[in-house]
Amino acid sequence: MGRRKRRLPPMRCDNRAMSTQPSTERSELSSVATQLHELSQRVGATGERLNQSPTEDAAASLFEMERALRSAARALDRAMRQLR
């Protein structure tokens, strides 16, 4: 009798691990992450300085902007992790 061919499981391909993102893209995104962090700090600090009458409405808008920048930074971090 002939030998039976052993069936191998299909090869798994993790696209994230297989992809080779140029280092320039990772560097660019890292730079953007740094800028988002710095902007968030600057906007928050300005909001703190304005958080008194009659400029507290402007401060509230700046705090909202600070939250949006932090949210954008978290989304960027997720994207960067997915590129690894």
C-alpha atoms as a PDB file:
ATOM      1  CA  MET A   1       0.000   0.000   0.000  1.00  0.00           C
ATOM      2  CA  GLY A   2       1.160   3.535  -0.740  1.00  0.00           C
ATOM      3  CA  ARG A   3       1.782   6.111   1.901  1.00  0.00           C
ATOM      4  CA  ARG A   4      -1.063   8.435   2.694  1.00  0.00           C
ATOM      5  CA  LYS A   5      -0.320  12.082   2.272  1.00  0.00           C
ATOM      6  CA  ARG A   6      -0.647  13.929   5.512  1.00  0.00           C
ATOM      7  CA  ARG A   7      -2.854  16.992   5.187  1.00  0.00           C
ATOM      8  CA  LEU A   8      -1.327  20.078   6.670  1.00  0.00           C
ATOM      9  CA  PRO A   9      -3.515  22.781   8.153  1.00  0.00           C
ATOM     10  CA  PRO A  10      -3.840  25.859   5.984  1.00  0.00           C
ATOM     11  CA  MET A  11      -1.133  28.429   6.548  1.00  0.00           C
ATOM     12  CA  ARG A  12      -2.212  31.355   8.627  1.00  0.00           C
ATOM     13  CA  CYS A  13      -1.257  34.760   7.434  1.00  0.00           C
ATOM     14  CA  ASP A  14      -1.413  37.613   9.910  1.00  0.00           C
ATOM     15  CA  ASN A  15      -1.434  40.646   7.630  1.00  0.00           C
ATOM     16  CA  ARG A  16      -0.305  42.925  10.426  1.00  0.00           C
ATOM     17  CA  ALA A  17       2.766  40.822  11.088  1.00  0.00           C
ATOM     18  CA  MET A  18       3.462  40.247   7.405  1.00  0.00           C
ATOM     19  CA  SER A  19       3.168  43.840   6.331  1.00  0.00           C
ATOM     20  CA  THR A  20       6.294  45.901   6.264  1.00  0.00           C
ATOM     21  CA  GLN A  21       5.365  49.476   6.904  1.00  0.00           C
ATOM     22  CA  PRO A  22       8.087  51.900   5.949  1.00  0.00           C
ATOM     23  CA  SER A  23       9.733  53.433   8.962  1.00  0.00           C
ATOM     24  CA  THR A  24       8.911  56.867   7.577  1.00  0.00           C
ATOM     25  CA  GLU A  25       5.185  56.210   8.111  1.00  0.00           C
ATOM     26  CA  ARG A  26       5.747  55.075  11.688  1.00  0.00           C
ATOM     27  CA  SER A  27       7.972  58.090  12.289  1.00  0.00           C
ATOM     28  CA  GLU A  28       5.356  60.417  10.831  1.00  0.00           C
ATOM     29  CA  LEU A  29       2.616  58.971  13.025  1.00  0.00           C
ATOM     30  CA  SER A  30       4.854  59.132  16.077  1.00  0.00           C
ATOM     31  CA  SER A  31       5.482  62.805  15.350  1.00  0.00           C
ATOM     32  CA  VAL A  32       1.741  63.445  15.027  1.00  0.00           C
ATOM     33  CA  ALA A  33       1.160  61.656  18.356  1.00  0.00           C
ATOM     34  CA  THR A  34       3.704  63.922  20.029  1.00  0.00           C
ATOM     35  CA  GLN A  35       2.081  67.002  18.513  1.00  0.00           C
ATOM     36  CA  LEU A  36      -1.391  65.899  19.663  1.00  0.00           C
ATOM     37  CA  HIS A  37      -0.090  65.402  23.202  1.00  0.00           C
ATOM     38  CA  GLU A  38       1.581  68.825  23.241  1.00  0.00           C
ATOM     39  CA  LEU A  39      -1.490  70.549  21.789  1.00  0.00           C
ATOM     40  CA  SER A  40      -3.729  68.887  24.345  1.00  0.00           C
ATOM     41  CA  GLN A  41      -1.510  70.148  27.171  1.00  0.00           C
ATOM     42  CA  ARG A  42      -1.353  73.681  25.763  1.00  0.00           C
ATOM     43  CA  VAL A  43      -5.104  73.895  25.168  1.00  0.00           C
ATOM     44  CA  GLY A  44      -5.837  72.522  28.662  1.00  0.00           C
ATOM     45  CA  ALA A  45      -3.448  74.996  30.284  1.00  0.00           C
ATOM     46  CA  THR A  46      -5.042  77.887  28.387  1.00  0.00           C
ATOM     47  CA  GLY A  47      -8.478  76.654  29.478  1.00  0.00           C
ATOM     48  CA  GLU A  48      -7.330  76.641  33.098  1.00  0.00           C
ATOM     49  CA  ARG A  49      -6.139  80.237  32.813  1.00  0.00           C
ATOM     50  CA  LEU A  50      -9.461  81.323  31.267  1.00  0.00           C
ATOM     51  CA  ASN A  51     -11.667  79.348  33.647  1.00  0.00           C
ATOM     52  CA  GLN A  52     -13.078  82.381  35.426  1.00  0.00           C
ATOM     53  CA  SER A  53     -15.708  84.988  34.666  1.00  0.00           C
ATOM     54  CA  PRO A  54     -16.162  86.453  32.045  1.00  0.00           C
ATOM     55  CA  THR A  55     -14.089  83.977  29.994  1.00  0.00           C
ATOM     56  CA  GLU A  56     -15.383  80.708  31.416  1.00  0.00           C
ATOM     57  CA  ASP A  57     -17.436  79.983  28.261  1.00  0.00           C
ATOM     58  CA  ALA A  58     -14.240  80.101  26.229  1.00  0.00           C
ATOM     59  CA  ALA A  59     -12.597  77.835  28.814  1.00  0.00           C
ATOM     60  CA  ALA A  60     -15.413  75.292  28.474  1.00  0.00           C
ATOM     61  CA  SER A  61     -14.890  75.229  24.711  1.00  0.00           C
ATOM     62  CA  LEU A  62     -11.159  74.730  25.208  1.00  0.00           C
ATOM     63  CA  PHE A  63     -11.763  71.855  27.650  1.00  0.00           C
ATOM     64  CA  GLU A  64     -14.024  70.251  25.038  1.00  0.00           C
ATOM     65  CA  MET A  65     -11.240  70.681  22.490  1.00  0.00           C
ATOM     66  CA  GLU A  66      -8.733  69.150  24.908  1.00  0.00           C
ATOM     67  CA  ARG A  67     -10.970  66.071  25.279  1.00  0.00           C
ATOM     68  CA  ALA A  68     -11.247  65.777  21.487  1.00  0.00           C
ATOM     69  CA  LEU A  69      -7.454  65.970  21.114  1.00  0.00           C
ATOM     70  CA  ARG A  70      -7.000  63.248  23.732  1.00  0.00           C
ATOM     71  CA  SER A  71      -9.548  61.100  21.938  1.00  0.00           C
ATOM     72  CA  ALA A  72      -7.698  61.632  18.662  1.00  0.00           C
ATOM     73  CA  ALA A  73      -4.434  60.663  20.360  1.00  0.00           C
ATOM     74  CA  ARG A  74      -5.993  57.401  21.612  1.00  0.00           C
ATOM     75  CA  ALA A  75      -7.301  56.609  18.111  1.00  0.00           C
ATOM     76  CA  LEU A  76      -3.850  57.267  16.688  1.00  0.00           C
ATOM     77  CA  ASP A  77      -2.269  54.990  19.310  1.00  0.00           C
ATOM     78  CA  ARG A  78      -4.673  52.213  18.295  1.00  0.00           C
ATOM     79  CA  ALA A  79      -3.808  52.697  14.638  1.00  0.00           C
ATOM     80  CA  MET A  80      -0.090  52.600  15.390  1.00  0.00           C
ATOM     81  CA  ARG A  81      -0.499  49.346  17.369  1.00  0.00           C
ATOM     82  CA  GLN A  82      -2.368  47.826  14.428  1.00  0.00           C
ATOM     83  CA  LEU A  83       0.534  48.658  12.107  1.00  0.00           C
ATOM     84  CA  ARG A  84       2.997  46.613  14.158  1.00  0.00           C
END
